[in-house]
Amino acid sequence: MTKPTLEEMTAEMRKRVGEDSGFGHTVKFNFGDDGVIFIDAKNVPHVVSNEDNDAETIVNIKFGDFCKISDGSKDPTEAFMAGRMTIDGNVDAGWKLGSIIGPDRA
């Protein structure tokens, strides 16, 4: 299976987040040189883009690891404990992300 592109993952996250998830936070997934996915779930309808905006929570992760977490082949807790993912800012919001972007939302 080939790794999706940033654009494909952004579209998938847009679908998973929907227009009104009730999440109520802003989050940026920072993939370093591979770009970002920004989620504004404070406003309705929600916005999911590749703009490098300020966010309450910043999840620093390699794009490949993000794809694996999103498809369920990698556990986010294990990625965090192994140092493959860090969360800056509102850590509680970071942990709630699974409920709106996890593989069960696909």
N, C-alpha and C. Protein backbone atom coordinates (compact mmCIF):
# COMPACT_ATOMS: atom_id res chain seq x y z
N MET A 1 0.85 -1.18 0.00
CA MET A 1 0.00 0.00 0.00
C MET A 1 0.89 1.24 0.00
N THR A 2 0.60 2.18 -0.87
CA THR A 2 1.40 3.40 -0.94
C THR A 2 0.90 4.42 0.08
N LYS A 3 1.84 5.22 0.55
CA LYS A 3 1.51 6.26 1.51
C LYS A 3 0.70 7.34 0.80
N PRO A 4 -0.39 7.81 1.40
CA PRO A 4 -1.16 8.89 0.78
C PRO A 4 -0.36 10.18 0.74
N THR A 5 -0.79 11.09 -0.12
CA THR A 5 -0.17 12.41 -0.19
C THR A 5 -0.74 13.28 0.92
N LEU A 6 -0.09 14.41 1.16
CA LEU A 6 -0.60 15.36 2.14
C LEU A 6 -2.01 15.81 1.76
N GLU A 7 -2.23 16.06 0.48
CA GLU A 7 -3.54 16.51 0.01
C GLU A 7 -4.60 15.44 0.27
N GLU A 8 -4.25 14.18 0.02
CA GLU A 8 -5.20 13.09 0.26
C GLU A 8 -5.52 12.95 1.75
N MET A 9 -4.52 13.08 2.60
CA MET A 9 -4.76 12.99 4.04
C MET A 9 -5.55 14.18 4.55
N THR A 10 -5.31 15.35 3.97
CA THR A 10 -6.08 16.53 4.37
C THR A 10 -7.55 16.32 4.02
N ALA A 11 -7.83 15.81 2.83
CA ALA A 11 -9.21 15.54 2.42
C ALA A 11 -9.84 14.49 3.34
N GLU A 12 -9.08 13.47 3.70
CA GLU A 12 -9.59 12.42 4.60
C GLU A 12 -9.89 13.00 5.98
N MET A 13 -9.01 13.86 6.51
CA MET A 13 -9.25 14.48 7.81
C MET A 13 -10.46 15.40 7.75
N ARG A 14 -10.63 16.10 6.65
CA ARG A 14 -11.80 16.97 6.47
C ARG A 14 -13.08 16.13 6.57
N LYS A 15 -13.06 14.96 5.95
CA LYS A 15 -14.22 14.07 5.99
C LYS A 15 -14.45 13.55 7.40
N ARG A 16 -13.39 13.16 8.08
CA ARG A 16 -13.53 12.61 9.44
C ARG A 16 -13.98 13.65 10.45
N VAL A 17 -13.46 14.87 10.34
CA VAL A 17 -13.80 15.93 11.28
C VAL A 17 -15.23 16.41 11.06
N GLY A 18 -15.64 16.49 9.80
CA GLY A 18 -17.00 16.94 9.49
C GLY A 18 -17.16 18.43 9.72
N GLU A 19 -18.41 18.86 9.73
CA GLU A 19 -18.69 20.29 9.88
C GLU A 19 -18.86 20.71 11.33
N ASP A 20 -19.29 19.77 12.20
CA ASP A 20 -19.53 20.12 13.60
C ASP A 20 -19.33 18.89 14.49
N SER A 21 -18.08 18.64 14.86
CA SER A 21 -17.73 17.46 15.65
C SER A 21 -17.98 17.66 17.14
N GLY A 22 -18.11 18.93 17.56
CA GLY A 22 -18.22 19.22 18.98
C GLY A 22 -16.87 19.23 19.70
N PHE A 23 -15.78 19.10 18.95
CA PHE A 23 -14.43 19.04 19.52
C PHE A 23 -14.03 20.37 20.17
N GLY A 24 -14.27 21.48 19.48
CA GLY A 24 -14.09 22.80 20.07
C GLY A 24 -12.68 23.31 20.26
N HIS A 25 -11.70 22.80 19.50
CA HIS A 25 -10.31 23.22 19.65
C HIS A 25 -9.67 23.44 18.28
N THR A 26 -8.49 24.09 18.31
CA THR A 26 -7.67 24.19 17.10
C THR A 26 -6.44 23.32 17.30
N VAL A 27 -6.09 22.60 16.23
CA VAL A 27 -4.96 21.67 16.29
C VAL A 27 -4.17 21.76 15.00
N LYS A 28 -2.85 21.72 15.15
CA LYS A 28 -1.99 21.67 13.97
C LYS A 28 -1.12 20.42 14.08
N PHE A 29 -1.17 19.60 13.03
CA PHE A 29 -0.26 18.48 12.90
C PHE A 29 0.93 18.99 12.11
N ASN A 30 2.09 19.02 12.75
CA ASN A 30 3.30 19.54 12.13
C ASN A 30 4.14 18.37 11.65
N PHE A 31 4.28 18.25 10.33
CA PHE A 31 5.04 17.16 9.73
C PHE A 31 6.43 17.60 9.30
N GLY A 32 6.91 18.73 9.83
CA GLY A 32 8.23 19.24 9.46
C GLY A 32 8.24 19.67 8.00
N ASP A 33 9.22 19.20 7.25
CA ASP A 33 9.35 19.57 5.84
C ASP A 33 8.20 19.06 4.97
N ASP A 34 7.42 18.11 5.48
CA ASP A 34 6.30 17.55 4.71
C ASP A 34 5.03 18.39 4.82
N GLY A 35 5.03 19.46 5.64
CA GLY A 35 3.88 20.34 5.71
C GLY A 35 3.09 20.20 7.00
N VAL A 36 1.85 20.68 6.98
CA VAL A 36 0.97 20.66 8.15
C VAL A 36 -0.46 20.33 7.72
N ILE A 37 -1.21 19.84 8.69
CA ILE A 37 -2.67 19.80 8.58
C ILE A 37 -3.18 20.59 9.77
N PHE A 38 -3.96 21.62 9.49
CA PHE A 38 -4.53 22.49 10.51
C PHE A 38 -6.03 22.22 10.61
N ILE A 39 -6.52 22.03 11.84
CA ILE A 39 -7.94 21.80 12.07
C ILE A 39 -8.46 22.89 13.00
N ASP A 40 -9.44 23.64 12.52
CA ASP A 40 -10.13 24.62 13.35
C ASP A 40 -11.52 24.06 13.63
N ALA A 41 -11.66 23.45 14.81
CA ALA A 41 -12.94 22.88 15.20
C ALA A 41 -13.64 23.76 16.23
N LYS A 42 -13.18 25.02 16.35
CA LYS A 42 -13.86 25.98 17.23
C LYS A 42 -15.06 26.59 16.53
N ASN A 43 -14.93 26.78 15.23
CA ASN A 43 -15.99 27.40 14.45
C ASN A 43 -16.76 26.34 13.67
N VAL A 44 -18.01 26.65 13.37
CA VAL A 44 -18.85 25.77 12.56
C VAL A 44 -19.23 26.53 11.31
N PRO A 45 -18.99 25.98 10.12
CA PRO A 45 -18.41 24.67 9.89
C PRO A 45 -16.91 24.67 10.19
N HIS A 46 -16.41 23.49 10.56
CA HIS A 46 -14.98 23.32 10.84
C HIS A 46 -14.17 23.56 9.57
N VAL A 47 -12.91 23.94 9.77
CA VAL A 47 -12.00 24.16 8.65
C VAL A 47 -10.81 23.22 8.82
N VAL A 48 -10.48 22.51 7.76
CA VAL A 48 -9.29 21.66 7.72
C VAL A 48 -8.49 22.09 6.51
N SER A 49 -7.23 22.50 6.73
CA SER A 49 -6.43 23.04 5.64
C SER A 49 -4.97 22.68 5.84
N ASN A 50 -4.15 23.15 4.92
CA ASN A 50 -2.70 22.97 5.03
C ASN A 50 -2.02 24.29 5.38
N GLU A 51 -2.79 25.24 5.91
CA GLU A 51 -2.23 26.52 6.32
C GLU A 51 -1.51 26.36 7.66
N ASP A 52 -0.37 27.00 7.77
CA ASP A 52 0.45 26.92 8.98
C ASP A 52 -0.01 27.98 9.98
N ASN A 53 -1.24 27.81 10.49
CA ASN A 53 -1.83 28.76 11.43
C ASN A 53 -1.45 28.42 12.86
N ASP A 54 -1.59 29.40 13.76
CA ASP A 54 -1.42 29.15 15.18
C ASP A 54 -2.53 28.23 15.65
N ALA A 55 -2.23 27.38 16.63
CA ALA A 55 -3.21 26.44 17.16
C ALA A 55 -2.99 26.24 18.65
N GLU A 56 -4.06 25.87 19.35
CA GLU A 56 -3.97 25.57 20.78
C GLU A 56 -3.06 24.37 21.04
N THR A 57 -3.14 23.41 20.14
CA THR A 57 -2.40 22.16 20.28
C THR A 57 -1.59 21.92 19.02
N ILE A 58 -0.32 21.60 19.19
CA ILE A 58 0.53 21.26 18.05
C ILE A 58 1.04 19.85 18.26
N VAL A 59 0.75 19.00 17.30
CA VAL A 59 1.21 17.61 17.33
C VAL A 59 2.36 17.50 16.34
N ASN A 60 3.55 17.25 16.85
CA ASN A 60 4.74 17.10 16.00
C ASN A 60 4.94 15.61 15.73
N ILE A 61 4.89 15.24 14.46
CA ILE A 61 4.95 13.84 14.09
C ILE A 61 5.40 13.73 12.64
N LYS A 62 6.09 12.65 12.30
CA LYS A 62 6.44 12.41 10.90
C LYS A 62 5.16 12.05 10.15
N PHE A 63 5.09 12.49 8.90
CA PHE A 63 3.89 12.27 8.11
C PHE A 63 3.57 10.77 7.99
N GLY A 64 4.58 9.95 7.79
CA GLY A 64 4.35 8.51 7.67
C GLY A 64 3.74 7.91 8.93
N ASP A 65 4.21 8.36 10.10
CA ASP A 65 3.63 7.88 11.36
C ASP A 65 2.19 8.35 11.51
N PHE A 66 1.91 9.59 11.10
CA PHE A 66 0.54 10.11 11.15
C PHE A 66 -0.38 9.24 10.30
N CYS A 67 0.07 8.89 9.10
CA CYS A 67 -0.73 8.05 8.21
C CYS A 67 -1.01 6.70 8.85
N LYS A 68 -0.01 6.13 9.51
CA LYS A 68 -0.19 4.82 10.16
C LYS A 68 -1.14 4.91 11.34
N ILE A 69 -1.07 5.98 12.12
CA ILE A 69 -2.01 6.17 13.22
C ILE A 69 -3.42 6.34 12.66
N SER A 70 -3.54 7.09 11.58
CA SER A 70 -4.85 7.35 10.98
C SER A 70 -5.50 6.10 10.41
N ASP A 71 -4.68 5.16 9.91
CA ASP A 71 -5.28 3.94 9.35
C ASP A 71 -5.35 2.81 10.37
N GLY A 72 -4.91 3.08 11.60
CA GLY A 72 -5.02 2.10 12.67
C GLY A 72 -3.87 1.12 12.78
N SER A 73 -2.85 1.25 11.93
CA SER A 73 -1.73 0.30 11.98
C SER A 73 -0.66 0.69 13.01
N LYS A 74 -0.77 1.88 13.60
CA LYS A 74 0.16 2.31 14.66
C LYS A 74 -0.68 2.89 15.79
N ASP A 75 -0.33 2.54 17.00
CA ASP A 75 -1.03 3.03 18.19
C ASP A 75 -0.49 4.40 18.58
N PRO A 76 -1.36 5.41 18.74
CA PRO A 76 -0.87 6.75 19.08
C PRO A 76 -0.17 6.82 20.44
N THR A 77 -0.62 6.04 21.41
CA THR A 77 0.02 6.05 22.72
C THR A 77 1.44 5.51 22.62
N GLU A 78 1.61 4.43 21.86
CA GLU A 78 2.95 3.87 21.67
C GLU A 78 3.85 4.85 20.94
N ALA A 79 3.31 5.55 19.94
CA ALA A 79 4.09 6.55 19.20
C ALA A 79 4.55 7.66 20.14
N PHE A 80 3.66 8.09 21.02
CA PHE A 80 3.98 9.13 21.98
C PHE A 80 5.05 8.65 22.96
N MET A 81 4.86 7.47 23.52
CA MET A 81 5.80 6.93 24.51
C MET A 81 7.18 6.68 23.90
N ALA A 82 7.22 6.36 22.61
CA ALA A 82 8.49 6.09 21.93
C ALA A 82 9.16 7.38 21.44
N GLY A 83 8.50 8.53 21.68
CA GLY A 83 9.07 9.80 21.25
C GLY A 83 8.89 10.10 19.78
N ARG A 84 8.04 9.33 19.10
CA ARG A 84 7.80 9.56 17.67
C ARG A 84 6.72 10.61 17.45
N MET A 85 6.07 11.03 18.53
CA MET A 85 5.05 12.07 18.47
C MET A 85 5.16 12.89 19.74
N THR A 86 5.15 14.21 19.60
CA THR A 86 5.12 15.10 20.77
C THR A 86 3.92 16.01 20.64
N ILE A 87 3.40 16.44 21.78
CA ILE A 87 2.24 17.33 21.80
C ILE A 87 2.62 18.57 22.59
N ASP A 88 2.49 19.73 21.95
CA ASP A 88 2.75 21.02 22.60
C ASP A 88 1.42 21.75 22.77
N GLY A 89 1.31 22.50 23.85
CA GLY A 89 0.09 23.27 24.08
C GLY A 89 -0.91 22.48 24.90
N ASN A 90 -2.16 22.48 24.48
CA ASN A 90 -3.25 21.83 25.19
C ASN A 90 -3.18 20.32 24.97
N VAL A 91 -2.50 19.63 25.88
CA VAL A 91 -2.29 18.19 25.74
C VAL A 91 -3.61 17.43 25.83
N ASP A 92 -4.53 17.88 26.69
CA ASP A 92 -5.83 17.21 26.81
C ASP A 92 -6.56 17.19 25.47
N ALA A 93 -6.53 18.31 24.76
CA ALA A 93 -7.17 18.36 23.44
C ALA A 93 -6.48 17.39 22.49
N GLY A 94 -5.17 17.29 22.61
CA GLY A 94 -4.43 16.36 21.76
C GLY A 94 -4.88 14.93 21.94
N TRP A 95 -5.13 14.53 23.17
CA TRP A 95 -5.56 13.16 23.42
C TRP A 95 -7.00 12.92 23.00
N LYS A 96 -7.82 13.96 22.95
CA LYS A 96 -9.21 13.82 22.51
C LYS A 96 -9.33 13.69 21.00
N LEU A 97 -8.24 13.96 20.29
CA LEU A 97 -8.27 13.92 18.83
C LEU A 97 -8.69 12.57 18.27
N GLY A 98 -8.31 11.50 18.93
CA GLY A 98 -8.62 10.17 18.43
C GLY A 98 -10.10 9.97 18.19
N SER A 99 -10.92 10.64 19.00
CA SER A 99 -12.37 10.47 18.85
C SER A 99 -12.91 11.10 17.57
N ILE A 100 -12.15 12.03 16.98
CA ILE A 100 -12.65 12.64 15.75
C ILE A 100 -11.83 12.30 14.52
N ILE A 101 -10.58 11.85 14.69
CA ILE A 101 -9.77 11.56 13.50
C ILE A 101 -9.28 10.13 13.42
N GLY A 102 -9.59 9.32 14.42
CA GLY A 102 -9.11 7.94 14.43
C GLY A 102 -9.70 7.10 13.32
N PRO A 103 -9.15 5.89 13.12
CA PRO A 103 -9.59 5.04 12.02
C PRO A 103 -11.05 4.63 12.10
N ASP A 104 -11.64 4.65 13.31
CA ASP A 104 -13.05 4.31 13.43
C ASP A 104 -13.96 5.37 12.83
N ARG A 105 -13.40 6.55 12.50
CA ARG A 105 -14.17 7.62 11.85
C ARG A 105 -14.07 7.56 10.34
N ALA A 106 -13.25 6.68 9.82
CA ALA A 106 -13.02 6.61 8.36
C ALA A 106 -14.27 6.18 7.63
